[in-house]
């Protein structure tokens, strides 16, 4: 009865419209103002999002576009082709060939099939471990190998490995290899010059790279070319003064002489007397610039430019020429050289043979140290020092060739008599072979000296006077006597042409004293003597065995070079000499 009564009461209540919220369990206990705050916050948030959307999509589109471009647009470098280097006749000595750089995005490559990675390592000529080491990099970009040949790069592309990309670049190629390398030099993997003319003329040869904007997909493939930002400008070609034919002859002759006399090294240079152009410059040992994997310092040294040495007797003409020019002597002035020994203070100057009473021209022909010392001691030290500096000894060269050295000439105020005597015949003074060759310009020309050039010259330069034309002519007569029977350089003769020059054989200064077993033999000469066109200087370092004097080791190299140079330039013969005359008792100098 009771249960039925309650049910009826509930039904009556619902029928009378009692609200559900009147249930005490469901009654709202929060204040009304808090719900209004929540509503306001929601409204403000939506308003802020709307304003931000309006700002980004309507007023700040540039920022979003820039961010988008970062993800799909790229700026590609367009490498410029490095200028060619040619000899004076247009024969190519250095040129650039297109190759590819292989690079990777390590994260994309990690999922590549092992078989393809193994093939990639084989094409790159590296081990699987070396390749994996590169790919383990945490960088987003890594070079796998630079300067890869085009056909190999094509095979790599065909592998279709995701994350492996190629980039166009250039590799330097040197057609004449080791023959011209000490003149031309080489570039590094970034195509920047590292040695010789490649380094000296870097700004001229390198050009200006360009760039362009492209769109790439997520795999790195170019899908659209947007614009060209900057066009590449190729480097300018460079024409050297070198004559490739003479260069090859100089190279082979120096190499053969070094091997024949078991020498440590050798060098030669050929100059054009009229223009100052360097027509040939050769060294041995040398290296192949196309393959420098086993390059050593000995091979890299450009001995013509960077090595200094005491020239020995090849310096005597400058002492004699100065005395002639100052009218202190004539070619026929007599000097008593005694039995081959002269004491100066506590030191003794020797001749290799006793010459007794001889004139000045015989002093040069026989290479008398005593006669040259007496001539030197008749002059103030300052005059000799000024002569040496005028011809470039001890002065920093300004030929635009990297590594050229100044040599050493001590200040004249500190010279003692024995030091002045020694310098008169080439001891106590150091020069490079190219300095010595250039200094002989004053004898080959009419007493003046001109700058040297490693680039082809179109106009002959103006000379700086050092001695008179009369003195130069007198010295040429004496230098020619050196190559005739009775002189110290008979092996320097050339069939059909008159030649002249001076030998030098100097003991090497090692560990504070002069060696008794190690020498540098040299010869500096000119041809033809009727109107000199070429100056040729040859140096052989540490010839082994009993033959070590300049006339024997360097004279024949001069002869071969002069003969080829004269005939190559169609120089008219000025002598009736049909064969080289070498007397059995040919005089040879030691110092």
Protein backbone atom coordinates (compact mmCIF):
# COMPACT_ATOMS: atom_id res chain seq x y z
CA UNK A 1 0.00 0.00 0.00
CA UNK A 2 2.82 2.30 0.91
CA UNK A 3 4.86 1.50 -2.25
CA UNK A 4 1.96 2.18 -4.49
CA UNK A 5 1.31 5.41 -2.71
CA UNK A 6 4.93 6.67 -3.35
CA UNK A 7 4.73 5.78 -7.01
CA UNK A 8 1.57 7.68 -7.39
CA UNK A 9 3.05 10.69 -5.61
CA UNK A 10 6.08 10.74 -8.02
CA UNK A 11 3.86 10.59 -11.00
CA UNK A 12 1.77 13.43 -9.61
CA UNK A 13 4.95 15.49 -9.12
CA UNK A 14 6.09 14.97 -12.72
CA UNK A 15 2.68 15.74 -13.98
CA UNK A 16 2.72 19.03 -12.08
CA UNK A 17 5.93 20.13 -13.92
CA UNK A 18 8.54 19.98 -11.16
CA UNK A 19 12.01 20.87 -12.82
CA UNK A 20 14.61 18.14 -13.06
CA UNK A 21 17.28 20.52 -11.75
CA UNK A 22 15.45 20.72 -8.44
CA UNK A 23 17.04 17.41 -7.66
CA UNK A 24 19.48 18.23 -4.88
CA UNK A 25 22.16 15.94 -6.40
CA UNK A 26 22.22 17.84 -9.73
CA UNK A 27 21.90 21.32 -8.36
CA UNK A 28 24.48 23.88 -9.80
CA UNK A 29 26.70 25.17 -7.02
CA UNK A 30 29.05 27.57 -9.14
CA UNK A 31 28.46 31.30 -9.24
CA UNK A 32 26.93 32.67 -12.44
CA UNK A 33 29.81 35.14 -13.07
CA UNK A 34 32.34 32.30 -13.59
CA UNK A 35 30.45 30.84 -16.48
CA UNK A 36 30.39 34.26 -18.02
CA UNK A 37 34.16 34.55 -17.62
CA UNK A 38 34.67 31.20 -19.35
CA UNK A 39 32.43 32.31 -22.16
CA UNK A 40 34.39 35.56 -22.53
CA UNK A 41 37.72 33.71 -22.60
CA UNK A 42 36.52 31.38 -25.32
CA UNK A 43 35.27 34.32 -27.33
CA UNK A 44 38.61 36.17 -26.91
CA UNK A 45 40.56 33.08 -28.01
CA UNK A 46 38.51 32.72 -31.16
CA UNK A 47 38.89 36.45 -31.83
CA UNK A 48 42.69 36.15 -31.40
CA UNK A 49 42.86 33.20 -33.77
CA UNK A 50 40.83 35.13 -36.28
CA UNK A 51 43.11 38.15 -36.00
CA UNK A 52 46.21 35.97 -36.33
CA UNK A 53 44.78 34.27 -39.40
CA UNK A 54 43.98 37.67 -40.90
CA UNK A 55 47.55 38.86 -40.15
CA UNK A 56 49.27 35.82 -41.61
CA UNK A 57 47.08 35.31 -44.65
CA UNK A 58 46.28 38.90 -45.47
CA UNK A 59 48.97 41.21 -44.15
CA UNK A 60 52.12 39.06 -43.68
CA UNK A 61 52.19 36.86 -46.79
CA UNK A 62 55.87 37.63 -47.49
CA UNK A 63 57.03 35.83 -44.36
CA UNK A 64 55.04 32.69 -45.13
CA UNK A 65 56.19 32.66 -48.72
CA UNK A 66 59.79 32.93 -47.58
CA UNK A 67 59.36 30.02 -45.19
CA UNK A 68 57.79 27.98 -47.93
CA UNK A 69 60.61 28.73 -50.35
CA UNK A 70 63.13 27.57 -47.76
CA UNK A 71 61.55 24.15 -47.95
CA UNK A 72 61.42 23.77 -51.74
CA UNK A 73 63.55 26.51 -53.39
CA UNK A 74 67.34 26.26 -53.72
CA UNK A 75 70.12 28.49 -55.02
CA UNK A 76 72.54 26.49 -57.16
CA UNK A 77 76.11 27.61 -57.79
CA UNK A 78 77.12 27.72 -61.44
CA UNK A 79 80.90 27.21 -61.56
CA UNK A 80 82.90 29.30 -64.00
CA UNK A 81 85.43 27.60 -66.23
CA UNK A 82 89.02 28.44 -65.29
CA UNK A 83 90.97 30.08 -68.08
CA UNK A 84 93.36 28.01 -70.19
CA UNK A 85 97.12 28.40 -70.01
CA UNK A 86 98.97 28.16 -73.31
CA UNK A 87 102.54 28.55 -74.47
CA UNK A 88 103.63 31.41 -76.72
CA UNK A 89 102.42 29.52 -79.83
CA UNK A 90 98.99 28.62 -78.46
CA UNK A 91 99.75 25.06 -77.38
CA UNK A 92 97.62 24.20 -74.33
CA UNK A 93 99.57 23.70 -71.11
CA UNK A 94 96.59 23.65 -68.71
CA UNK A 95 92.84 23.36 -69.27
CA UNK A 96 89.71 22.51 -67.27
CA UNK A 97 87.59 19.44 -67.96
CA UNK A 98 84.05 18.99 -66.52
CA UNK A 99 83.73 16.45 -63.71
CA UNK A 100 81.24 15.80 -60.89
CA UNK A 101 81.31 16.06 -57.12
CA UNK A 102 79.39 13.23 -55.43
CA UNK A 103 77.61 14.29 -52.24
CA UNK A 104 75.00 12.77 -49.95
CA UNK A 105 72.27 13.51 -47.43
CA UNK A 106 73.24 10.87 -44.84
CA UNK A 107 69.76 10.47 -43.31
CA UNK A 108 68.25 9.67 -46.71
CA UNK A 109 70.98 7.20 -47.68
CA UNK A 110 70.78 5.04 -44.55
CA UNK A 111 67.83 3.05 -45.87
CA UNK A 112 69.51 2.22 -49.20
CA UNK A 113 69.96 -1.48 -50.01
CA UNK A 114 73.39 -2.80 -48.90
CA UNK A 115 74.07 -4.16 -52.40
CA UNK A 116 73.72 -0.68 -53.92
CA UNK A 117 75.93 0.87 -51.24
CA UNK A 118 78.56 -1.74 -51.97
CA UNK A 119 78.42 -0.89 -55.67
CA UNK A 120 78.61 2.82 -54.83
CA UNK A 121 81.77 2.26 -52.78
CA UNK A 122 83.32 0.36 -55.67
CA UNK A 123 82.57 3.17 -58.13
CA UNK A 124 84.01 5.73 -55.71
CA UNK A 125 87.16 3.59 -55.34
CA UNK A 126 86.81 3.32 -51.57
CA UNK A 127 86.12 0.55 -49.10
CA UNK A 128 82.66 -0.13 -47.68
CA UNK A 129 83.93 0.90 -44.25
CA UNK A 130 85.20 4.26 -45.53
CA UNK A 131 81.91 4.95 -47.28
CA UNK A 132 79.91 4.06 -44.18
CA UNK A 133 82.12 6.29 -42.08
CA UNK A 134 81.23 9.25 -44.29
CA UNK A 135 77.54 8.36 -44.21
CA UNK A 136 77.53 8.13 -40.40
CA UNK A 137 78.02 11.88 -40.24
CA UNK A 138 75.42 13.85 -38.27
CA UNK A 139 75.55 16.65 -40.84
CA UNK A 140 72.83 17.17 -43.39
CA UNK A 141 75.33 17.33 -46.26
CA UNK A 142 78.60 15.47 -46.86
CA UNK A 143 80.93 15.12 -49.84
CA UNK A 144 81.69 11.52 -50.74
CA UNK A 145 84.26 12.31 -53.43
CA UNK A 146 85.30 15.31 -55.50
CA UNK A 147 86.33 15.53 -59.14
CA UNK A 148 84.79 12.24 -60.27
CA UNK A 149 84.98 11.49 -63.99
CA UNK A 150 81.75 12.02 -65.91
CA UNK A 151 81.27 8.36 -66.92
CA UNK A 152 81.65 7.20 -63.31
CA UNK A 153 79.21 9.87 -62.12
CA UNK A 154 76.67 8.64 -64.68
CA UNK A 155 76.97 5.08 -63.33
CA UNK A 156 76.42 6.37 -59.79
CA UNK A 157 73.31 8.24 -60.89
CA UNK A 158 71.93 5.07 -62.48
CA UNK A 159 72.10 3.30 -59.12
CA UNK A 160 69.14 5.44 -58.06
CA UNK A 161 70.15 5.67 -54.40
CA UNK A 162 67.95 8.17 -52.58
CA UNK A 163 70.01 10.95 -51.02
CA UNK A 164 72.98 10.63 -53.42
CA UNK A 165 73.44 13.74 -55.56
CA UNK A 166 75.98 15.09 -58.05
CA UNK A 167 77.27 18.60 -58.59
CA UNK A 168 79.09 19.96 -61.62
CA UNK A 169 82.66 21.15 -61.13
CA UNK A 170 85.93 21.26 -63.04
CA UNK A 171 89.24 19.44 -62.85
CA UNK A 172 92.52 20.84 -64.15
CA UNK A 173 94.36 18.80 -66.78
CA UNK A 174 98.00 19.36 -67.80
CA UNK A 175 98.78 17.86 -71.25
CA UNK A 176 102.58 18.15 -70.91
CA UNK A 177 102.66 16.79 -67.37
CA UNK A 178 106.03 16.90 -65.64
CA UNK A 179 107.77 18.79 -68.45
CA UNK A 180 106.14 22.16 -67.72
CA UNK A 181 104.87 21.71 -64.17
CA UNK A 182 107.39 24.04 -62.49
CA UNK A 183 106.26 26.85 -64.78
CA UNK A 184 102.52 26.15 -64.89
CA UNK A 185 101.92 24.79 -61.37
CA UNK A 186 98.64 23.15 -60.33
CA UNK A 187 95.30 23.77 -58.59
CA UNK A 188 93.65 22.12 -55.59
CA UNK A 189 90.27 20.40 -55.42
CA UNK A 190 88.56 23.80 -55.09
CA UNK A 191 90.14 24.86 -58.42
CA UNK A 192 92.38 27.41 -56.70
CA UNK A 193 95.98 27.84 -57.86
CA UNK A 194 98.63 26.38 -55.54
CA UNK A 195 101.95 26.76 -57.35
CA UNK A 196 103.73 28.76 -60.07
CA UNK A 197 101.60 30.61 -62.64
CA UNK A 198 98.39 28.91 -61.52
CA UNK A 199 98.92 30.66 -58.18
CA UNK A 200 100.46 33.89 -59.46
CA UNK A 201 97.61 34.52 -61.94
CA UNK A 202 94.77 33.16 -59.78
CA UNK A 203 92.60 36.27 -60.08
CA UNK A 204 92.92 36.34 -63.86
CA UNK A 205 92.32 32.63 -64.40
CA UNK A 206 89.58 31.84 -61.88
CA UNK A 207 86.66 33.80 -63.35
CA UNK A 208 83.41 34.63 -61.51
CA UNK A 209 80.93 31.83 -60.61
CA UNK A 210 77.22 32.35 -61.18
CA UNK A 211 74.02 31.12 -59.53
CA UNK A 212 70.37 30.30 -60.32
CA UNK A 213 67.19 29.64 -58.33
CA UNK A 214 65.35 26.31 -58.76
CA UNK A 215 62.53 24.33 -57.15
CA UNK A 216 63.37 20.84 -55.89
CA UNK A 217 61.10 18.05 -54.73
CA UNK A 218 61.68 16.13 -51.51
CA UNK A 219 64.05 13.76 -53.32
CA UNK A 220 66.25 16.63 -54.41
CA UNK A 221 65.22 16.56 -58.08
CA UNK A 222 64.89 19.86 -59.90
CA UNK A 223 61.27 20.29 -61.00
CA UNK A 224 61.32 23.94 -62.07
CA UNK A 225 63.89 26.60 -62.98
CA UNK A 226 62.83 29.88 -61.35
CA UNK A 227 65.42 32.45 -62.42
CA UNK A 228 69.09 33.11 -63.13
CA UNK A 229 70.48 35.23 -60.29
CA UNK A 230 73.93 35.78 -61.75
CA UNK A 231 75.51 34.50 -64.95
CA UNK A 232 78.94 32.84 -64.59
CA UNK A 233 81.90 34.58 -66.22
CA UNK A 234 84.70 32.27 -67.32
CA UNK A 235 88.29 33.11 -66.43
CA UNK A 236 90.62 34.70 -68.94
CA UNK A 237 93.13 32.61 -70.87
CA UNK A 238 96.82 33.14 -70.11
CA UNK A 239 99.55 33.08 -72.75
CA UNK A 240 102.95 32.30 -71.29
CA UNK A 241 106.33 33.18 -72.77
CA UNK A 242 107.35 29.52 -72.68
CA UNK A 243 108.28 27.79 -75.94
CA UNK A 244 107.11 24.17 -75.56
CA UNK A 245 109.78 22.79 -77.87
CA UNK A 246 112.62 24.47 -76.00
CA UNK A 247 110.99 23.54 -72.71
CA UNK A 248 110.99 19.86 -73.63
CA UNK A 249 114.63 20.01 -74.74
CA UNK A 250 115.66 21.78 -71.54
CA UNK A 251 113.80 19.22 -69.45
CA UNK A 252 115.28 16.18 -71.19
CA UNK A 253 118.82 17.58 -71.21
CA UNK A 254 118.75 18.43 -67.49
CA UNK A 255 117.32 15.01 -66.66
CA UNK A 256 119.95 13.22 -68.74
CA UNK A 257 122.79 15.23 -67.18
CA UNK A 258 121.57 14.54 -63.63
CA UNK A 259 121.35 10.82 -64.38
CA UNK A 260 124.67 10.71 -66.24
CA UNK A 261 126.64 12.36 -63.44
CA UNK A 262 124.60 10.78 -60.61
CA UNK A 263 123.73 14.25 -59.36
CA UNK A 264 121.24 15.25 -56.68
CA UNK A 265 119.35 17.70 -58.90
CA UNK A 266 119.62 20.00 -61.90
CA UNK A 267 118.00 23.07 -63.43
CA UNK A 268 118.13 25.19 -66.58
CA UNK A 269 116.58 28.42 -67.86
CA UNK A 270 116.48 30.07 -71.31
CA UNK A 271 115.93 33.83 -71.69
CA UNK A 272 115.21 35.95 -74.75
CA UNK A 273 117.81 38.74 -74.75
CA UNK A 274 115.60 41.14 -76.73
CA UNK A 275 112.37 40.86 -74.71
CA UNK A 276 113.31 39.38 -71.34
CA UNK A 277 110.89 36.50 -71.90
CA UNK A 278 111.49 33.20 -70.12
CA UNK A 279 111.45 30.69 -72.99
CA UNK A 280 112.16 27.58 -70.90
CA UNK A 281 112.50 26.70 -67.23
CA UNK A 282 113.22 23.10 -66.24
CA UNK A 283 114.04 21.23 -63.05
CA UNK A 284 114.89 17.69 -62.10
CA UNK A 285 113.56 15.99 -60.03
CA UNK A 286 110.03 16.96 -60.93
CA UNK A 287 106.48 15.58 -60.62
CA UNK A 288 103.34 14.89 -62.62
CA UNK A 289 100.68 17.51 -61.78
CA UNK A 290 97.93 15.16 -63.02
CA UNK A 291 98.81 12.64 -60.28
CA UNK A 292 100.20 14.17 -57.09
CA UNK A 293 99.50 11.25 -54.77
CA UNK A 294 103.23 10.65 -54.18
CA UNK A 295 104.44 14.25 -54.38
CA UNK A 296 107.49 15.08 -52.24
CA UNK A 297 109.16 18.34 -51.28
CA UNK A 298 112.21 17.56 -53.41
CA UNK A 299 110.00 17.18 -56.49
CA UNK A 300 108.01 20.31 -55.72
CA UNK A 301 111.02 22.63 -55.38
CA UNK A 302 111.44 25.02 -58.29
CA UNK A 303 115.23 25.19 -58.03
CA UNK A 304 115.59 27.83 -60.74
CA UNK A 305 113.59 30.26 -58.59
CA UNK A 306 113.84 29.16 -54.97
CA UNK A 307 117.31 27.63 -54.49
CA UNK A 308 120.25 29.93 -53.85
CA UNK A 309 123.87 28.88 -54.19
CA UNK A 310 127.34 30.37 -54.36
CA UNK A 311 127.90 30.77 -58.13
CA UNK A 312 131.67 30.44 -58.11
CA UNK A 313 133.60 31.61 -61.16
CA UNK A 314 130.49 32.54 -63.17
CA UNK A 315 130.52 35.74 -61.07
CA UNK A 316 133.99 36.80 -62.24
CA UNK A 317 132.76 38.67 -65.36
CA UNK A 318 130.95 41.19 -63.13
CA UNK A 319 134.11 42.04 -61.22
CA UNK A 320 136.14 42.34 -64.43
CA UNK A 321 133.35 44.21 -66.23
CA UNK A 322 133.13 46.77 -63.42
CA UNK A 323 136.90 47.40 -63.49
CA UNK A 324 136.78 47.80 -67.29
CA UNK A 325 133.87 50.21 -67.05
CA UNK A 326 135.67 52.28 -64.40
CA UNK A 327 138.73 52.33 -66.70
CA UNK A 328 140.91 50.77 -64.01
CA UNK A 329 142.03 48.06 -66.45
CA UNK A 330 141.88 47.12 -70.12
CA UNK A 331 141.50 43.63 -71.62
CA UNK A 332 145.28 43.57 -72.03
CA UNK A 333 146.34 44.77 -68.58
CA UNK A 334 148.85 42.29 -67.16
CA UNK A 335 148.62 40.66 -63.70
CA UNK A 336 151.14 38.39 -62.03
CA UNK A 337 149.23 35.40 -60.63
CA UNK A 338 152.40 33.65 -59.53
CA UNK A 339 152.57 29.91 -59.08
CA UNK A 340 148.90 29.56 -58.18
CA UNK A 341 148.69 30.82 -54.58
CA UNK A 342 148.23 34.26 -53.01
CA UNK A 343 148.08 35.10 -49.30
CA UNK A 344 145.51 37.65 -48.11
CA UNK A 345 145.84 38.23 -44.35
CA UNK A 346 145.71 34.71 -42.88
CA UNK A 347 143.98 33.15 -45.89
CA UNK A 348 145.27 31.70 -49.16
CA UNK A 349 143.58 32.11 -52.55
CA UNK A 350 144.37 29.31 -55.00
CA UNK A 351 144.28 28.75 -58.75
CA UNK A 352 143.87 25.20 -60.04
CA UNK A 353 146.95 25.69 -62.25
CA UNK A 354 149.82 28.20 -62.12
CA UNK A 355 149.37 30.91 -64.77
CA UNK A 356 152.11 33.39 -63.79
CA UNK A 357 151.94 36.63 -65.81
CA UNK A 358 148.65 36.85 -67.75
CA UNK A 359 146.38 39.59 -69.09
CA UNK A 360 142.77 40.28 -68.13
CA UNK A 361 141.18 38.34 -70.97
CA UNK A 362 143.27 35.29 -70.03
CA UNK A 363 142.13 35.70 -66.42
CA UNK A 364 138.58 35.14 -67.68
CA UNK A 365 139.54 32.42 -70.14
CA UNK A 366 141.57 30.42 -67.61
CA UNK A 367 139.31 31.41 -64.69
CA UNK A 368 142.06 32.67 -62.43
CA UNK A 369 140.94 33.31 -58.85
CA UNK A 370 144.14 35.16 -58.06
CA UNK A 371 143.86 37.50 -61.06
CA UNK A 372 140.21 38.27 -60.28
CA UNK A 373 141.06 38.92 -56.60
CA UNK A 374 143.77 41.40 -57.54
CA UNK A 375 141.34 43.25 -59.82
CA UNK A 376 138.71 43.33 -57.06
CA UNK A 377 141.10 44.62 -54.41
CA UNK A 378 142.00 47.55 -56.68
CA UNK A 379 138.44 48.87 -56.29
CA UNK A 380 136.48 50.20 -53.30
CA UNK A 381 134.05 47.59 -51.88
CA UNK A 382 131.16 50.00 -52.41
CA UNK A 383 131.64 49.90 -56.21
CA UNK A 384 131.43 46.12 -56.27
CA UNK A 385 128.38 46.14 -53.99
CA UNK A 386 126.62 48.66 -56.23
CA UNK A 387 127.36 46.54 -59.31
CA UNK A 388 125.90 43.44 -57.64
CA UNK A 389 122.72 45.24 -56.56
CA UNK A 390 122.24 46.89 -59.96
CA UNK A 391 122.09 43.51 -61.68
CA UNK A 392 119.65 42.22 -59.06
CA UNK A 393 121.76 40.20 -56.63
CA UNK A 394 120.40 40.39 -53.08
CA UNK A 395 117.24 42.15 -54.32
CA UNK A 396 113.71 40.77 -54.02
CA UNK A 397 112.59 39.79 -57.56
CA UNK A 398 109.50 41.50 -58.99
CA UNK A 399 108.62 39.06 -61.73
CA UNK A 400 105.20 38.07 -60.42
CA UNK A 401 106.33 34.51 -59.78
CA UNK A 402 105.66 33.01 -56.33
CA UNK A 403 108.59 31.71 -54.32
CA UNK A 404 111.31 33.73 -56.06
CA UNK A 405 114.10 34.48 -53.58
CA UNK A 406 116.40 37.47 -53.19
CA UNK A 407 119.68 35.73 -52.46
CA UNK A 408 122.23 37.39 -50.20
CA UNK A 409 124.82 40.15 -50.60
CA UNK A 410 126.24 41.43 -47.32
CA UNK A 411 126.61 45.20 -46.79
CA UNK A 412 129.93 46.43 -48.20
CA UNK A 413 130.91 48.27 -45.01
CA UNK A 414 131.58 44.95 -43.28
CA UNK A 415 133.73 43.45 -46.03
CA UNK A 416 137.27 42.43 -45.12
CA UNK A 417 139.88 42.17 -47.93
CA UNK A 418 139.62 38.36 -48.03
CA UNK A 419 135.81 38.59 -48.22
CA UNK A 420 135.99 41.09 -51.07
CA UNK A 421 138.40 38.77 -52.88
CA UNK A 422 136.17 35.75 -52.30
CA UNK A 423 133.09 37.56 -53.59
CA UNK A 424 134.94 38.56 -56.73
CA UNK A 425 135.06 34.91 -57.75
CA UNK A 426 131.66 33.89 -56.36
CA UNK A 427 132.17 32.85 -52.75
CA UNK A 428 130.39 34.48 -49.82
CA UNK A 429 127.50 35.60 -52.02
CA UNK A 430 124.36 33.62 -52.89
CA UNK A 431 122.12 33.93 -55.95
CA UNK A 432 119.41 31.94 -57.69
CA UNK A 433 119.92 30.54 -61.18
CA UNK A 434 117.35 32.91 -62.69
CA UNK A 435 119.05 35.91 -61.04
CA UNK A 436 122.39 34.83 -62.47
CA UNK A 437 120.93 34.38 -65.96
CA UNK A 438 119.24 37.79 -65.90
CA UNK A 439 122.43 39.50 -64.67
CA UNK A 440 124.24 38.32 -67.83
CA UNK A 441 121.85 40.56 -69.78
CA UNK A 442 124.32 43.42 -69.33
CA UNK A 443 126.88 41.50 -71.40
CA UNK A 444 124.49 40.10 -74.00
CA UNK A 445 122.88 43.51 -74.54
CA UNK A 446 124.68 46.83 -74.82
CA UNK A 447 125.28 47.18 -71.10
CA UNK A 448 121.68 47.51 -69.91
CA UNK A 449 119.34 45.14 -68.08
CA UNK A 450 115.61 44.57 -68.62
CA UNK A 451 112.82 42.97 -66.54
CA UNK A 452 111.94 39.32 -67.03
CA UNK A 453 108.49 38.14 -68.05
CA UNK A 454 106.74 34.78 -67.81
CA UNK A 455 104.00 36.02 -70.12
CA UNK A 456 104.33 36.64 -73.84
CA UNK A 457 105.64 40.14 -74.54
CA UNK A 458 104.35 42.21 -77.48
CA UNK A 459 106.66 45.20 -77.01
CA UNK A 460 110.32 45.11 -76.03
CA UNK A 461 110.87 46.73 -72.60
CA UNK A 462 113.22 49.62 -71.95
CA UNK A 463 116.52 48.73 -70.30
CA UNK A 464 118.33 50.24 -67.32
CA UNK A 465 122.01 51.04 -68.09
CA UNK A 466 124.59 49.31 -65.88
CA UNK A 467 127.81 49.36 -67.93
CA UNK A 468 128.78 50.99 -71.21
CA UNK A 469 128.18 49.35 -74.59
CA UNK A 470 131.98 49.32 -75.13
CA UNK A 471 132.51 47.37 -71.90
CA UNK A 472 129.77 44.92 -72.84
CA UNK A 473 131.40 44.28 -76.23
CA UNK A 474 134.81 43.71 -74.60
CA UNK A 475 133.28 41.26 -72.13
CA UNK A 476 131.57 39.32 -74.94
CA UNK A 477 134.96 38.81 -76.59
CA UNK A 478 136.38 37.42 -73.34
CA UNK A 479 133.36 35.18 -72.70
CA UNK A 480 133.71 33.73 -76.19
CA UNK A 481 137.32 32.82 -75.42
CA UNK A 482 136.06 30.64 -72.54
CA UNK A 483 134.41 28.24 -75.02
CA UNK A 484 137.35 28.12 -77.45
CA UNK A 485 140.32 25.74 -77.16
CA UNK A 486 142.28 26.71 -74.06
CA UNK A 487 139.13 27.86 -72.22
CA UNK A 488 137.27 26.17 -69.37
CA UNK A 489 134.03 25.49 -71.29
CA UNK A 490 134.99 23.94 -74.62
CA UNK A 491 132.11 21.46 -74.25
CA UNK A 492 129.68 24.37 -74.54
CA UNK A 493 130.57 24.93 -78.23
CA UNK A 494 127.79 24.77 -80.83
CA UNK A 495 128.38 23.72 -84.42
CA UNK A 496 127.83 26.62 -86.82
CA UNK A 497 127.51 29.29 -84.13
CA UNK A 498 129.76 31.43 -81.98
CA UNK A 499 128.91 31.11 -78.29
CA UNK A 500 130.34 32.46 -75.07
CA UNK A 501 129.84 32.24 -71.34
CA UNK A 502 131.42 31.43 -68.02
CA UNK A 503 131.66 28.29 -65.95
CA UNK A 504 131.34 28.09 -62.20
CA UNK A 505 132.17 25.30 -59.78
CA UNK A 506 131.49 26.09 -56.14
CA UNK A 507 132.03 24.00 -53.05
CA UNK A 508 128.77 23.71 -51.11
CA UNK A 509 128.74 25.49 -47.76
CA UNK A 510 127.46 22.89 -45.27
CA UNK A 511 127.42 22.95 -41.46
CA UNK A 512 129.52 26.09 -41.27
CA UNK A 513 132.29 25.01 -43.64
CA UNK A 514 132.99 24.33 -47.31
CA UNK A 515 132.54 20.70 -48.30
CA UNK A 516 135.44 18.97 -50.02
CA UNK A 517 133.20 16.45 -51.79
CA UNK A 518 129.97 18.27 -52.70
CA UNK A 519 129.88 20.84 -55.49
CA UNK A 520 127.48 22.82 -57.65
CA UNK A 521 128.58 23.06 -61.27
CA UNK A 522 127.05 25.77 -63.45
CA UNK A 523 127.44 27.50 -66.77
CA UNK A 524 125.88 30.75 -67.98
CA UNK A 525 126.26 31.60 -71.65
CA UNK A 526 124.82 33.39 -74.64
CA UNK A 527 124.41 32.80 -78.37
CA UNK A 528 125.11 33.78 -81.08
CA UNK A 529 127.97 36.07 -80.08
CA UNK A 530 127.69 38.19 -83.23
CA UNK A 531 124.25 39.38 -81.99
CA UNK A 532 123.19 37.58 -78.80
CA UNK A 533 119.60 36.34 -78.81
CA UNK A 534 119.53 33.80 -75.97
CA UNK A 535 120.96 33.55 -72.48
CA UNK A 536 121.04 30.01 -71.11
CA UNK A 537 121.96 29.12 -67.52
CA UNK A 538 122.45 25.55 -66.30
CA UNK A 539 123.08 24.25 -62.77
CA UNK A 540 123.91 20.68 -61.70
CA UNK A 541 123.72 20.08 -57.94
CA UNK A 542 126.14 17.61 -56.34
CA UNK A 543 127.40 15.67 -59.37
CA UNK A 544 128.90 12.38 -58.21
CA UNK A 545 132.19 10.84 -59.23
CA UNK A 546 135.38 12.55 -60.37
CA UNK A 547 133.66 14.84 -62.92
CA UNK A 548 132.04 17.78 -61.15
CA UNK A 549 133.27 21.04 -62.73
CA UNK A 550 130.78 23.31 -64.46
CA UNK A 551 132.34 23.06 -67.90
CA UNK A 552 131.90 19.28 -67.95
CA UNK A 553 128.51 18.81 -66.27
CA UNK A 554 126.66 21.98 -67.32
CA UNK A 555 128.49 22.94 -70.55
CA UNK A 556 127.03 20.10 -72.66
CA UNK A 557 123.50 20.97 -71.54
CA UNK A 558 124.07 24.55 -72.68
CA UNK A 559 125.40 23.31 -76.02
CA UNK A 560 122.33 21.16 -76.72
CA UNK A 561 119.90 23.87 -75.62
CA UNK A 562 121.64 26.62 -77.59
CA UNK A 563 121.82 24.52 -80.76
CA UNK A 564 118.11 23.76 -80.69
CA UNK A 565 117.08 27.29 -79.76
CA UNK A 566 119.15 28.86 -82.55
CA UNK A 567 117.83 26.50 -85.20
CA UNK A 568 114.23 26.70 -83.94
CA UNK A 569 114.29 30.49 -84.34
CA UNK A 570 116.07 30.30 -87.71
CA UNK A 571 119.06 32.29 -86.46
CA UNK A 572 121.66 32.66 -89.22
CA UNK A 573 124.87 30.74 -88.43
CA UNK A 574 127.82 33.01 -87.64
CA UNK A 575 130.64 30.45 -87.43
CA UNK A 576 132.42 27.97 -89.68
CA UNK A 577 132.81 25.52 -86.79
CA UNK A 578 131.77 22.11 -88.15
CA UNK A 579 132.58 20.00 -85.09
CA UNK A 580 133.21 20.59 -81.42
CA UNK A 581 136.89 20.85 -80.59
CA UNK A 582 137.84 19.45 -77.19
CA UNK A 583 141.62 19.41 -76.59
CA UNK A 584 142.95 16.68 -74.33
CA UNK A 585 144.49 19.27 -72.03
CA UNK A 586 141.39 21.48 -71.80
CA UNK A 587 141.72 23.79 -68.82
CA UNK A 588 139.18 23.44 -66.06
CA UNK A 589 138.61 25.66 -63.08
CA UNK A 590 137.71 24.46 -59.63
CA UNK A 591 136.24 27.53 -58.02
